[in-house]
């Protein structure tokens, strides 16, 4: 483990030195520099929002805090970037919650189907309230400083077979990420779930290894899954949430005023993240419809029926993994649903 860590630190340092040569002169003058790595391409909403965030932080700290951005896995894969942030090889990362369950089981509550209501404003109330706070605080004991949750779209379901009613899911096979929660959500519909690497998904759909998959619309369009799928249900059953993580050592080195600037700027930019993501979804849906895919939207009654089947089994899988901390997260969630009058 120590040897791997040393190798990672050396690799990250060498990469940073190589990439930093093109940075503007102002960056070299910054008192506090943070290398922020993430998985998305520069053309995608997450990176575009991070560029605005970096500009705001640089301006509002008088040039003292520089957020250097490294998209497209330049600083490593998901695991390497999270570990690098823990070890201090890099100062931060913006990472999908779905990739963080192995580091912090509590955050996997965000994988639960229909956790957030359909209404975006009400979903944000839940995200910013005690549940969101609890999720962020749970990272501290794992050697990470989590400062915000960013919405990054919602998942929908495609298949080569019809999905016009719940009974149609019986016997179908769907690709999922490596998560017991996601496996159980499809099991609840009578389907089976298969863990397949993302890069192999198109071929798996094309050859019939699986019948369908779940992803946000822009991913479905970008990866051209519509070429090998005939049906799409606009279910929005799963929220894709990003977690903004910093190295505790770097975050702790900042003056309190600079930490406040960063936190405020992250929240200021958040609505634009969601707006850009929604615009990308609309464009993607047009592409999918034009390709001849049969599209239907999940109505309110059917949404409730799906949730009543899927949520309990997924919840049990979550509690098995997250234990007492998970029970606390769900207790807070239910309290917030009641207090805010939220409905899925």
C-alpha atoms as a PDB file:
ATOM      1  CA  UNK A   1       0.000   0.000   0.000  1.00  0.00           C
ATOM      2  CA  UNK A   2       2.801   2.447   0.916  1.00  0.00           C
ATOM      3  CA  UNK A   3       4.622   1.634  -2.295  1.00  0.00           C
ATOM      4  CA  UNK A   4       1.471   2.253  -4.345  1.00  0.00           C
ATOM      5  CA  UNK A   5       0.919   5.504  -2.529  1.00  0.00           C
ATOM      6  CA  UNK A   6       4.456   6.697  -3.242  1.00  0.00           C
ATOM      7  CA  UNK A   7       4.100   5.814  -6.897  1.00  0.00           C
ATOM      8  CA  UNK A   8       0.816   7.690  -7.098  1.00  0.00           C
ATOM      9  CA  UNK A   9       2.288  10.767  -5.412  1.00  0.00           C
ATOM     10  CA  UNK A  10       5.220  10.791  -7.801  1.00  0.00           C
ATOM     11  CA  UNK A  11       3.001  10.298 -10.844  1.00  0.00           C
ATOM     12  CA  UNK A  12       0.575  13.011  -9.781  1.00  0.00           C
ATOM     13  CA  UNK A  13       3.431  15.395  -9.080  1.00  0.00           C
ATOM     14  CA  UNK A  14       5.036  14.752 -12.434  1.00  0.00           C
ATOM     15  CA  UNK A  15       1.726  15.186 -14.252  1.00  0.00           C
ATOM     16  CA  UNK A  16       0.985  18.400 -12.435  1.00  0.00           C
ATOM     17  CA  UNK A  17       4.416  19.785 -13.287  1.00  0.00           C
ATOM     18  CA  UNK A  18       3.852  18.950 -16.938  1.00  0.00           C
ATOM     19  CA  UNK A  19       0.361  20.444 -17.130  1.00  0.00           C
ATOM     20  CA  UNK A  20       1.143  23.527 -15.077  1.00  0.00           C
ATOM     21  CA  UNK A  21       3.619  24.865 -17.629  1.00  0.00           C
ATOM     22  CA  UNK A  22       0.747  26.333 -19.629  1.00  0.00           C
ATOM     23  CA  UNK A  23      -0.927  28.130 -16.721  1.00  0.00           C
ATOM     24  CA  UNK A  24      -1.183  31.936 -16.762  1.00  0.00           C
ATOM     25  CA  UNK A  25       1.367  33.913 -14.779  1.00  0.00           C
ATOM     26  CA  UNK A  26      -1.276  34.877 -12.200  1.00  0.00           C
ATOM     27  CA  UNK A  27      -1.580  31.233 -11.141  1.00  0.00           C
ATOM     28  CA  UNK A  28       2.103  31.098 -10.124  1.00  0.00           C
ATOM     29  CA  UNK A  29       1.527  34.099  -7.843  1.00  0.00           C
ATOM     30  CA  UNK A  30      -1.410  32.542  -5.978  1.00  0.00           C
ATOM     31  CA  UNK A  31      -0.811  31.817  -2.293  1.00  0.00           C
ATOM     32  CA  UNK A  32      -3.121  28.776  -2.267  1.00  0.00           C
ATOM     33  CA  UNK A  33      -3.225  26.502  -5.318  1.00  0.00           C
ATOM     34  CA  UNK A  34      -5.617  23.561  -5.635  1.00  0.00           C
ATOM     35  CA  UNK A  35      -5.459  20.953  -8.376  1.00  0.00           C
ATOM     36  CA  UNK A  36      -9.038  19.813  -9.002  1.00  0.00           C
ATOM     37  CA  UNK A  37      -9.454  16.637 -11.042  1.00  0.00           C
ATOM     38  CA  UNK A  38     -12.629  15.158 -12.471  1.00  0.00           C
ATOM     39  CA  UNK A  39     -13.868  12.634 -15.028  1.00  0.00           C
ATOM     40  CA  UNK A  40     -15.845  14.687 -17.571  1.00  0.00           C
ATOM     41  CA  UNK A  41     -14.577  16.252 -20.793  1.00  0.00           C
ATOM     42  CA  UNK A  42     -13.988  20.028 -21.053  1.00  0.00           C
ATOM     43  CA  UNK A  43     -17.096  20.359 -23.243  1.00  0.00           C
ATOM     44  CA  UNK A  44     -19.436  18.951 -20.585  1.00  0.00           C
ATOM     45  CA  UNK A  45     -21.451  20.969 -18.033  1.00  0.00           C
ATOM     46  CA  UNK A  46     -19.404  20.014 -14.977  1.00  0.00           C
ATOM     47  CA  UNK A  47     -16.162  21.398 -16.395  1.00  0.00           C
ATOM     48  CA  UNK A  48     -17.806  24.516 -17.795  1.00  0.00           C
ATOM     49  CA  UNK A  49     -19.244  25.290 -14.371  1.00  0.00           C
ATOM     50  CA  UNK A  50     -15.901  24.617 -12.699  1.00  0.00           C
ATOM     51  CA  UNK A  51     -14.240  27.126 -15.029  1.00  0.00           C
ATOM     52  CA  UNK A  52     -16.652  29.809 -13.863  1.00  0.00           C
ATOM     53  CA  UNK A  53     -16.137  28.754 -10.250  1.00  0.00           C
ATOM     54  CA  UNK A  54     -12.358  29.055 -10.592  1.00  0.00           C
ATOM     55  CA  UNK A  55     -12.680  32.532 -12.070  1.00  0.00           C
ATOM     56  CA  UNK A  56     -14.972  33.687  -9.260  1.00  0.00           C
ATOM     57  CA  UNK A  57     -12.694  32.304  -6.560  1.00  0.00           C
ATOM     58  CA  UNK A  58      -9.585  33.877  -8.089  1.00  0.00           C
ATOM     59  CA  UNK A  59     -11.302  37.259  -8.337  1.00  0.00           C
ATOM     60  CA  UNK A  60     -12.951  37.247  -4.923  1.00  0.00           C
ATOM     61  CA  UNK A  61      -9.814  36.159  -3.065  1.00  0.00           C
ATOM     62  CA  UNK A  62      -7.763  38.867  -4.740  1.00  0.00           C
ATOM     63  CA  UNK A  63      -5.794  36.287  -6.701  1.00  0.00           C
ATOM     64  CA  UNK A  64      -4.779  34.345  -3.587  1.00  0.00           C
ATOM     65  CA  UNK A  65      -6.672  31.118  -4.363  1.00  0.00           C
ATOM     66  CA  UNK A  66      -6.160  29.410  -7.710  1.00  0.00           C
ATOM     67  CA  UNK A  67      -8.259  26.367  -8.651  1.00  0.00           C
ATOM     68  CA  UNK A  68      -6.406  24.527 -11.418  1.00  0.00           C
ATOM     69  CA  UNK A  69      -8.738  22.209 -13.343  1.00  0.00           C
ATOM     70  CA  UNK A  70      -7.788  18.815 -14.791  1.00  0.00           C
ATOM     71  CA  UNK A  71     -10.724  17.249 -16.687  1.00  0.00           C
ATOM     72  CA  UNK A  72     -10.990  13.936 -18.547  1.00  0.00           C
ATOM     73  CA  UNK A  73      -9.261  11.850 -15.842  1.00  0.00           C
ATOM     74  CA  UNK A  74      -5.930  13.643 -16.369  1.00  0.00           C
ATOM     75  CA  UNK A  75      -5.047  13.037 -12.709  1.00  0.00           C
ATOM     76  CA  UNK A  76      -6.127   9.392 -12.720  1.00  0.00           C
ATOM     77  CA  UNK A  77      -9.267   7.298 -12.599  1.00  0.00           C
ATOM     78  CA  UNK A  78     -12.004   7.825 -10.008  1.00  0.00           C
ATOM     79  CA  UNK A  79     -10.321   5.781  -7.302  1.00  0.00           C
ATOM     80  CA  UNK A  80      -6.920   7.368  -7.868  1.00  0.00           C
ATOM     81  CA  UNK A  81      -8.344  10.876  -7.661  1.00  0.00           C
ATOM     82  CA  UNK A  82     -10.222  10.189  -4.438  1.00  0.00           C
ATOM     83  CA  UNK A  83      -7.182   8.529  -2.872  1.00  0.00           C
ATOM     84  CA  UNK A  84      -4.985  11.337  -4.136  1.00  0.00           C
ATOM     85  CA  UNK A  85      -7.233  13.839  -2.382  1.00  0.00           C
ATOM     86  CA  UNK A  86      -7.107  11.787   0.816  1.00  0.00           C
ATOM     87  CA  UNK A  87      -3.312  11.514   0.708  1.00  0.00           C
ATOM     88  CA  UNK A  88      -2.730  15.129  -0.315  1.00  0.00           C
ATOM     89  CA  UNK A  89      -1.251  14.296  -3.740  1.00  0.00           C
ATOM     90  CA  UNK A  90      -3.915  16.627  -5.137  1.00  0.00           C
ATOM     91  CA  UNK A  91      -6.130  19.140  -3.430  1.00  0.00           C
ATOM     92  CA  UNK A  92      -9.587  18.248  -4.653  1.00  0.00           C
ATOM     93  CA  UNK A  93     -11.933  16.379  -6.941  1.00  0.00           C
ATOM     94  CA  UNK A  94     -15.541  16.553  -8.071  1.00  0.00           C
ATOM     95  CA  UNK A  95     -16.741  12.968  -8.125  1.00  0.00           C
ATOM     96  CA  UNK A  96     -20.091  11.230  -8.759  1.00  0.00           C
ATOM     97  CA  UNK A  97     -21.536   9.810  -5.551  1.00  0.00           C
ATOM     98  CA  UNK A  98     -21.961   6.456  -7.275  1.00  0.00           C
ATOM     99  CA  UNK A  99     -18.156   6.077  -7.333  1.00  0.00           C
ATOM    100  CA  UNK A 100     -17.727   6.978  -3.660  1.00  0.00           C
ATOM    101  CA  UNK A 101     -19.646   4.220  -1.878  1.00  0.00           C
ATOM    102  CA  UNK A 102     -16.493   2.141  -1.464  1.00  0.00           C
ATOM    103  CA  UNK A 103     -14.874   5.015   0.458  1.00  0.00           C
ATOM    104  CA  UNK A 104     -17.976   6.094   2.346  1.00  0.00           C
ATOM    105  CA  UNK A 105     -21.065   3.816   2.398  1.00  0.00           C
ATOM    106  CA  UNK A 106     -23.237   6.651   3.764  1.00  0.00           C
ATOM    107  CA  UNK A 107     -23.134   8.551   0.476  1.00  0.00           C
ATOM    108  CA  UNK A 108     -24.762   5.617  -1.327  1.00  0.00           C
ATOM    109  CA  UNK A 109     -28.100   6.815   0.030  1.00  0.00           C
ATOM    110  CA  UNK A 110     -28.029   9.025  -3.069  1.00  0.00           C
ATOM    111  CA  UNK A 111     -28.231   5.872  -5.226  1.00  0.00           C
ATOM    112  CA  UNK A 112     -31.657   4.973  -3.846  1.00  0.00           C
ATOM    113  CA  UNK A 113     -34.335   5.097  -6.564  1.00  0.00           C
ATOM    114  CA  UNK A 114     -36.739   8.032  -6.361  1.00  0.00           C
ATOM    115  CA  UNK A 115     -34.915   9.515  -3.376  1.00  0.00           C
ATOM    116  CA  UNK A 116     -35.468  13.011  -4.743  1.00  0.00           C
ATOM    117  CA  UNK A 117     -38.883  14.338  -5.752  1.00  0.00           C
ATOM    118  CA  UNK A 118     -39.558  15.152  -9.396  1.00  0.00           C
ATOM    119  CA  UNK A 119     -39.782  18.878  -8.632  1.00  0.00           C
ATOM    120  CA  UNK A 120     -36.271  20.358  -8.997  1.00  0.00           C
ATOM    121  CA  UNK A 121     -36.726  23.181  -6.476  1.00  0.00           C
ATOM    122  CA  UNK A 122     -38.036  20.810  -3.831  1.00  0.00           C
ATOM    123  CA  UNK A 123     -35.178  18.426  -4.580  1.00  0.00           C
ATOM    124  CA  UNK A 124     -32.742  21.264  -3.913  1.00  0.00           C
ATOM    125  CA  UNK A 125     -34.368  21.939  -0.537  1.00  0.00           C
ATOM    126  CA  UNK A 126     -33.673  18.333   0.367  1.00  0.00           C
ATOM    127  CA  UNK A 127     -30.110  18.513  -0.997  1.00  0.00           C
ATOM    128  CA  UNK A 128     -29.310  21.671   0.993  1.00  0.00           C
ATOM    129  CA  UNK A 129     -30.983  20.595   4.218  1.00  0.00           C
ATOM    130  CA  UNK A 130     -30.025  18.270   7.071  1.00  0.00           C
ATOM    131  CA  UNK A 131     -29.741  15.221   4.787  1.00  0.00           C
ATOM    132  CA  UNK A 132     -27.188  16.920   2.561  1.00  0.00           C
ATOM    133  CA  UNK A 133     -25.316  18.200   5.620  1.00  0.00           C
ATOM    134  CA  UNK A 134     -25.195  14.729   7.132  1.00  0.00           C
ATOM    135  CA  UNK A 135     -23.854  13.187   3.921  1.00  0.00           C
ATOM    136  CA  UNK A 136     -21.140  15.842   3.643  1.00  0.00           C
ATOM    137  CA  UNK A 137     -20.129  15.499   7.294  1.00  0.00           C
ATOM    138  CA  UNK A 138     -19.827  11.718   6.952  1.00  0.00           C
ATOM    139  CA  UNK A 139     -16.725  12.168   4.766  1.00  0.00           C
ATOM    140  CA  UNK A 140     -14.686  13.739   7.571  1.00  0.00           C
ATOM    141  CA  UNK A 141     -14.005  10.408   9.293  1.00  0.00           C
ATOM    142  CA  UNK A 142     -12.834   9.068   5.896  1.00  0.00           C
ATOM    143  CA  UNK A 143     -10.078  11.642   5.476  1.00  0.00           C
ATOM    144  CA  UNK A 144     -11.959  13.896   3.060  1.00  0.00           C
ATOM    145  CA  UNK A 145     -13.538  17.329   3.305  1.00  0.00           C
ATOM    146  CA  UNK A 146     -16.847  17.385   1.419  1.00  0.00           C
ATOM    147  CA  UNK A 147     -18.206  20.884   0.875  1.00  0.00           C
ATOM    148  CA  UNK A 148     -21.140  20.555  -1.531  1.00  0.00           C
ATOM    149  CA  UNK A 149     -23.434  18.346  -3.574  1.00  0.00           C
ATOM    150  CA  UNK A 150     -23.978  19.255  -7.227  1.00  0.00           C
ATOM    151  CA  UNK A 151     -26.837  17.790  -9.317  1.00  0.00           C
ATOM    152  CA  UNK A 152     -25.620  16.094 -12.493  1.00  0.00           C
ATOM    153  CA  UNK A 153     -28.763  14.786 -14.146  1.00  0.00           C
ATOM    154  CA  UNK A 154     -31.176  11.916 -13.583  1.00  0.00           C
ATOM    155  CA  UNK A 155     -31.187   8.396 -14.943  1.00  0.00           C
ATOM    156  CA  UNK A 156     -33.710   6.978 -17.394  1.00  0.00           C
ATOM    157  CA  UNK A 157     -34.156   3.435 -18.672  1.00  0.00           C
ATOM    158  CA  UNK A 158     -33.688   2.090 -22.204  1.00  0.00           C
ATOM    159  CA  UNK A 159     -34.204  -1.422 -23.535  1.00  0.00           C
ATOM    160  CA  UNK A 160     -34.348  -3.400 -26.742  1.00  0.00           C
ATOM    161  CA  UNK A 161     -37.658  -4.731 -25.437  1.00  0.00           C
ATOM    162  CA  UNK A 162     -40.907  -2.981 -24.577  1.00  0.00           C
ATOM    163  CA  UNK A 163     -41.337  -1.429 -21.136  1.00  0.00           C
ATOM    164  CA  UNK A 164     -44.942  -0.329 -21.402  1.00  0.00           C
ATOM    165  CA  UNK A 165     -45.837  -1.701 -17.965  1.00  0.00           C
ATOM    166  CA  UNK A 166     -44.062  -3.073 -14.913  1.00  0.00           C
ATOM    167  CA  UNK A 167     -44.861  -6.655 -15.933  1.00  0.00           C
ATOM    168  CA  UNK A 168     -42.817  -6.118 -19.121  1.00  0.00           C
ATOM    169  CA  UNK A 169     -39.624  -5.943 -17.051  1.00  0.00           C
ATOM    170  CA  UNK A 170     -39.976  -9.584 -16.025  1.00  0.00           C
ATOM    171  CA  UNK A 171     -36.971 -11.528 -17.304  1.00  0.00           C
ATOM    172  CA  UNK A 172     -35.171  -8.566 -18.863  1.00  0.00           C
ATOM    173  CA  UNK A 173     -31.500  -7.922 -18.104  1.00  0.00           C
ATOM    174  CA  UNK A 174     -30.126  -4.453 -17.370  1.00  0.00           C
ATOM    175  CA  UNK A 175     -26.585  -3.212 -17.030  1.00  0.00           C
ATOM    176  CA  UNK A 176     -25.752  -1.393 -13.785  1.00  0.00           C
ATOM    177  CA  UNK A 177     -22.693  -0.011 -12.045  1.00  0.00           C
ATOM    178  CA  UNK A 178     -21.195  -2.202  -9.339  1.00  0.00           C
ATOM    179  CA  UNK A 179     -23.763  -1.448  -6.634  1.00  0.00           C
ATOM    180  CA  UNK A 180     -25.975  -3.825  -4.696  1.00  0.00           C
ATOM    181  CA  UNK A 181     -28.525  -1.031  -4.406  1.00  0.00           C
ATOM    182  CA  UNK A 182     -28.855  -0.770  -8.193  1.00  0.00           C
ATOM    183  CA  UNK A 183     -29.012  -4.534  -8.588  1.00  0.00           C
ATOM    184  CA  UNK A 184     -31.882  -4.743  -6.110  1.00  0.00           C
ATOM    185  CA  UNK A 185     -33.839  -1.898  -7.709  1.00  0.00           C
ATOM    186  CA  UNK A 186     -34.149  -3.898 -10.945  1.00  0.00           C
ATOM    187  CA  UNK A 187     -34.785  -7.124  -9.077  1.00  0.00           C
ATOM    188  CA  UNK A 188     -37.810  -5.427  -7.531  1.00  0.00           C
ATOM    189  CA  UNK A 189     -39.271  -4.994 -11.036  1.00  0.00           C
ATOM    190  CA  UNK A 190     -38.734  -8.659 -11.875  1.00  0.00           C
ATOM    191  CA  UNK A 191     -35.644  -7.935 -13.970  1.00  0.00           C
ATOM    192  CA  UNK A 192     -32.055  -8.970 -13.391  1.00  0.00           C
ATOM    193  CA  UNK A 193     -29.033  -6.671 -13.265  1.00  0.00           C
ATOM    194  CA  UNK A 194     -25.569  -7.320 -14.646  1.00  0.00           C
ATOM    195  CA  UNK A 195     -22.449  -5.374 -13.675  1.00  0.00           C
ATOM    196  CA  UNK A 196     -20.613  -4.401 -16.873  1.00  0.00           C
ATOM    197  CA  UNK A 197     -17.848  -1.791 -17.285  1.00  0.00           C
ATOM    198  CA  UNK A 198     -19.071   1.420 -18.887  1.00  0.00           C
ATOM    199  CA  UNK A 199     -16.696   1.085 -21.828  1.00  0.00           C
ATOM    200  CA  UNK A 200     -18.171  -2.319 -22.711  1.00  0.00           C
ATOM    201  CA  UNK A 201     -21.817  -1.318 -22.496  1.00  0.00           C
ATOM    202  CA  UNK A 202     -22.490  -0.479 -26.158  1.00  0.00           C
ATOM    203  CA  UNK A 203     -21.218  -3.875 -27.291  1.00  0.00           C
ATOM    204  CA  UNK A 204     -23.175  -5.620 -24.537  1.00  0.00           C
ATOM    205  CA  UNK A 205     -26.370  -3.935 -25.750  1.00  0.00           C
ATOM    206  CA  UNK A 206     -25.560  -4.603 -29.388  1.00  0.00           C
ATOM    207  CA  UNK A 207     -24.912  -8.320 -28.857  1.00  0.00           C
ATOM    208  CA  UNK A 208     -27.792  -8.894 -26.437  1.00  0.00           C
ATOM    209  CA  UNK A 209     -25.669  -9.664 -23.382  1.00  0.00           C
ATOM    210  CA  UNK A 210     -28.079  -7.281 -21.677  1.00  0.00           C
ATOM    211  CA  UNK A 211     -31.406  -5.919 -22.892  1.00  0.00           C
ATOM    212  CA  UNK A 212     -31.100  -2.439 -21.466  1.00  0.00           C
ATOM    213  CA  UNK A 213     -29.382   0.098 -19.243  1.00  0.00           C
ATOM    214  CA  UNK A 214     -29.908   3.244 -17.128  1.00  0.00           C
ATOM    215  CA  UNK A 215     -28.233   6.602 -17.689  1.00  0.00           C
ATOM    216  CA  UNK A 216     -28.980  10.313 -18.088  1.00  0.00           C
ATOM    217  CA  UNK A 217     -30.251  11.274 -21.535  1.00  0.00           C
ATOM    218  CA  UNK A 218     -27.090  13.102 -22.557  1.00  0.00           C
ATOM    219  CA  UNK A 219     -25.024   9.989 -21.836  1.00  0.00           C
ATOM    220  CA  UNK A 220     -27.459   7.853 -23.846  1.00  0.00           C
ATOM    221  CA  UNK A 221     -27.128  10.244 -26.783  1.00  0.00           C
ATOM    222  CA  UNK A 222     -23.366  10.782 -26.538  1.00  0.00           C
ATOM    223  CA  UNK A 223     -22.654   7.054 -26.338  1.00  0.00           C
ATOM    224  CA  UNK A 224     -25.186   6.366 -29.132  1.00  0.00           C
ATOM    225  CA  UNK A 225     -27.044   3.711 -27.191  1.00  0.00           C
ATOM    226  CA  UNK A 226     -30.117   4.734 -29.194  1.00  0.00           C
ATOM    227  CA  UNK A 227     -28.573   2.856 -32.138  1.00  0.00           C
ATOM    228  CA  UNK A 228     -29.044  -0.457 -30.331  1.00  0.00           C
ATOM    229  CA  UNK A 229     -32.091   0.308 -28.144  1.00  0.00           C
ATOM    230  CA  UNK A 230     -35.705   0.587 -29.277  1.00  0.00           C
ATOM    231  CA  UNK A 231     -37.460   1.844 -26.151  1.00  0.00           C
ATOM    232  CA  UNK A 232     -36.891   4.627 -23.616  1.00  0.00           C
ATOM    233  CA  UNK A 233     -38.849   5.362 -20.443  1.00  0.00           C
ATOM    234  CA  UNK A 234     -38.399   8.859 -19.028  1.00  0.00           C
ATOM    235  CA  UNK A 235     -38.413   7.548 -15.480  1.00  0.00           C
ATOM    236  CA  UNK A 236     -35.888   9.886 -13.817  1.00  0.00           C
ATOM    237  CA  UNK A 237     -35.704   7.240 -11.125  1.00  0.00           C
ATOM    238  CA  UNK A 238     -32.114   7.840 -10.099  1.00  0.00           C
ATOM    239  CA  UNK A 239     -30.354  11.082  -9.277  1.00  0.00           C
ATOM    240  CA  UNK A 240     -26.767  11.539 -10.431  1.00  0.00           C
ATOM    241  CA  UNK A 241     -25.117  13.635  -7.711  1.00  0.00           C
ATOM    242  CA  UNK A 242     -21.573  14.982  -7.664  1.00  0.00           C
ATOM    243  CA  UNK A 243     -19.673  15.509  -4.406  1.00  0.00           C
ATOM    244  CA  UNK A 244     -17.161  18.362  -4.175  1.00  0.00           C
ATOM    245  CA  UNK A 245     -14.206  17.018  -2.174  1.00  0.00           C
ATOM    246  CA  UNK A 246     -11.067  18.713  -0.855  1.00  0.00           C
ATOM    247  CA  UNK A 247      -7.989  17.486   0.952  1.00  0.00           C
ATOM    248  CA  UNK A 248      -8.587  18.298   4.648  1.00  0.00           C
ATOM    249  CA  UNK A 249      -4.990  19.544   4.966  1.00  0.00           C
ATOM    250  CA  UNK A 250      -5.339  21.987   2.085  1.00  0.00           C
ATOM    251  CA  UNK A 251      -8.820  23.130   3.126  1.00  0.00           C
ATOM    252  CA  UNK A 252      -7.602  23.616   6.691  1.00  0.00           C
ATOM    253  CA  UNK A 253      -4.669  25.730   5.478  1.00  0.00           C
ATOM    254  CA  UNK A 254      -7.010  28.329   3.994  1.00  0.00           C
ATOM    255  CA  UNK A 255      -8.017  31.440   5.937  1.00  0.00           C
ATOM    256  CA  UNK A 256     -11.653  31.181   7.008  1.00  0.00           C
ATOM    257  CA  UNK A 257     -12.615  34.001   4.667  1.00  0.00           C
ATOM    258  CA  UNK A 258     -11.244  32.133   1.662  1.00  0.00           C
ATOM    259  CA  UNK A 259     -13.121  28.973   2.652  1.00  0.00           C
ATOM    260  CA  UNK A 260     -16.318  31.039   2.810  1.00  0.00           C
ATOM    261  CA  UNK A 261     -15.615  32.491  -0.643  1.00  0.00           C
ATOM    262  CA  UNK A 262     -15.166  29.024  -2.151  1.00  0.00           C
ATOM    263  CA  UNK A 263     -18.296  27.602  -0.506  1.00  0.00           C
ATOM    264  CA  UNK A 264     -20.402  30.595  -1.554  1.00  0.00           C
ATOM    265  CA  UNK A 265     -19.098  30.469  -5.125  1.00  0.00           C
ATOM    266  CA  UNK A 266     -19.846  26.747  -5.395  1.00  0.00           C
ATOM    267  CA  UNK A 267     -23.428  27.396  -4.369  1.00  0.00           C
ATOM    268  CA  UNK A 268     -23.678  30.408  -6.694  1.00  0.00           C
ATOM    269  CA  UNK A 269     -22.598  28.343  -9.687  1.00  0.00           C
ATOM    270  CA  UNK A 270     -24.741  25.312  -8.807  1.00  0.00           C
ATOM    271  CA  UNK A 271     -27.942  26.525 -10.527  1.00  0.00           C
ATOM    272  CA  UNK A 272     -25.990  26.968 -13.753  1.00  0.00           C
ATOM    273  CA  UNK A 273     -24.751  23.386 -13.476  1.00  0.00           C
ATOM    274  CA  UNK A 274     -28.337  22.190 -13.317  1.00  0.00           C
ATOM    275  CA  UNK A 275     -29.485  24.519 -16.117  1.00  0.00           C
ATOM    276  CA  UNK A 276     -26.691  23.373 -18.430  1.00  0.00           C
ATOM    277  CA  UNK A 277     -27.437  19.756 -17.596  1.00  0.00           C
ATOM    278  CA  UNK A 278     -31.151  20.231 -18.296  1.00  0.00           C
ATOM    279  CA  UNK A 279     -30.368  21.888 -21.634  1.00  0.00           C
ATOM    280  CA  UNK A 280     -28.128  18.951 -22.519  1.00  0.00           C
ATOM    281  CA  UNK A 281     -30.959  16.556 -21.624  1.00  0.00           C
ATOM    282  CA  UNK A 282     -33.427  18.340 -23.897  1.00  0.00           C
ATOM    283  CA  UNK A 283     -31.017  18.288 -26.816  1.00  0.00           C
ATOM    284  CA  UNK A 284     -30.246  14.622 -26.204  1.00  0.00           C
ATOM    285  CA  UNK A 285     -33.940  13.696 -26.088  1.00  0.00           C
ATOM    286  CA  UNK A 286     -34.451  15.325 -29.476  1.00  0.00           C
ATOM    287  CA  UNK A 287     -31.570  13.260 -30.873  1.00  0.00           C
ATOM    288  CA  UNK A 288     -33.016  10.068 -29.404  1.00  0.00           C
ATOM    289  CA  UNK A 289     -36.522  10.738 -30.761  1.00  0.00           C
ATOM    290  CA  UNK A 290     -35.125  11.546 -34.210  1.00  0.00           C
ATOM    291  CA  UNK A 291     -33.347   8.177 -34.187  1.00  0.00           C
ATOM    292  CA  UNK A 292     -36.755   6.478 -33.984  1.00  0.00           C
ATOM    293  CA  UNK A 293     -36.655   5.282 -30.375  1.00  0.00           C
ATOM    294  CA  UNK A 294     -40.083   4.843 -28.787  1.00  0.00           C
ATOM    295  CA  UNK A 295     -40.229   7.298 -25.882  1.00  0.00           C
ATOM    296  CA  UNK A 296     -42.769   7.415 -23.116  1.00  0.00           C
ATOM    297  CA  UNK A 297     -42.861   9.431 -19.914  1.00  0.00           C
ATOM    298  CA  UNK A 298     -43.557   7.870 -16.548  1.00  0.00           C
ATOM    299  CA  UNK A 299     -46.789   9.329 -15.178  1.00  0.00           C
ATOM    300  CA  UNK A 300     -47.262  10.294 -11.535  1.00  0.00           C
ATOM    301  CA  UNK A 301     -49.255   7.168 -10.641  1.00  0.00           C
ATOM    302  CA  UNK A 302     -46.808   4.842 -12.357  1.00  0.00           C
ATOM    303  CA  UNK A 303     -43.885   6.682 -10.735  1.00  0.00           C
ATOM    304  CA  UNK A 304     -45.400   5.930  -7.328  1.00  0.00           C
ATOM    305  CA  UNK A 305     -45.925   2.287  -8.307  1.00  0.00           C
ATOM    306  CA  UNK A 306     -42.290   1.945  -9.388  1.00  0.00           C
ATOM    307  CA  UNK A 307     -41.083   3.584  -6.199  1.00  0.00           C
ATOM    308  CA  UNK A 308     -43.220   1.371  -3.969  1.00  0.00           C
ATOM    309  CA  UNK A 309     -41.596  -1.682  -5.540  1.00  0.00           C
ATOM    310  CA  UNK A 310     -38.021  -0.464  -5.954  1.00  0.00           C
ATOM    311  CA  UNK A 311     -37.308   1.623  -2.875  1.00  0.00           C
ATOM    312  CA  UNK A 312     -37.732  -1.019  -0.119  1.00  0.00           C
ATOM    313  CA  UNK A 313     -35.360  -3.579  -1.685  1.00  0.00           C
ATOM    314  CA  UNK A 314     -32.785  -0.933  -2.528  1.00  0.00           C
ATOM    315  CA  UNK A 315     -33.116   0.494   0.981  1.00  0.00           C
ATOM    316  CA  UNK A 316     -32.440  -2.915   2.540  1.00  0.00           C
ATOM    317  CA  UNK A 317     -29.287  -3.272   0.434  1.00  0.00           C
ATOM    318  CA  UNK A 318     -28.152   0.185   1.523  1.00  0.00           C
ATOM    319  CA  UNK A 319     -28.699  -0.509   5.215  1.00  0.00           C
ATOM    320  CA  UNK A 320     -26.814  -3.792   4.968  1.00  0.00           C
ATOM    321  CA  UNK A 321     -23.794  -1.855   3.717  1.00  0.00           C
ATOM    322  CA  UNK A 322     -24.064   1.431   5.648  1.00  0.00           C
ATOM    323  CA  UNK A 323     -25.270   0.111   9.016  1.00  0.00           C
ATOM    324  CA  UNK A 324     -26.112   2.577  11.794  1.00  0.00           C
ATOM    325  CA  UNK A 325     -24.856   5.552   9.820  1.00  0.00           C
ATOM    326  CA  UNK A 326     -27.163   4.553   6.994  1.00  0.00           C
ATOM    327  CA  UNK A 327     -30.090   4.207   9.388  1.00  0.00           C
ATOM    328  CA  UNK A 328     -29.412   7.736  10.599  1.00  0.00           C
ATOM    329  CA  UNK A 329     -29.315   9.057   7.036  1.00  0.00           C
ATOM    330  CA  UNK A 330     -32.688   7.480   6.270  1.00  0.00           C
ATOM    331  CA  UNK A 331     -34.142   8.782   9.530  1.00  0.00           C
ATOM    332  CA  UNK A 332     -33.100  12.315   8.538  1.00  0.00           C
ATOM    333  CA  UNK A 333     -34.454  11.770   5.032  1.00  0.00           C
ATOM    334  CA  UNK A 334     -37.885  10.718   6.240  1.00  0.00           C
ATOM    335  CA  UNK A 335     -38.013  13.612   8.669  1.00  0.00           C
ATOM    336  CA  UNK A 336     -37.223  16.048   5.866  1.00  0.00           C
ATOM    337  CA  UNK A 337     -39.800  14.505   3.536  1.00  0.00           C
ATOM    338  CA  UNK A 338     -42.448  15.036   6.214  1.00  0.00           C
ATOM    339  CA  UNK A 339     -41.260  18.507   7.208  1.00  0.00           C
ATOM    340  CA  UNK A 340     -41.034  19.826   3.670  1.00  0.00           C
ATOM    341  CA  UNK A 341     -44.159  18.056   2.452  1.00  0.00           C
ATOM    342  CA  UNK A 342     -42.222  16.399  -0.322  1.00  0.00           C
ATOM    343  CA  UNK A 343     -43.791  13.806  -2.551  1.00  0.00           C
ATOM    344  CA  UNK A 344     -42.236  11.554  -5.123  1.00  0.00           C
END
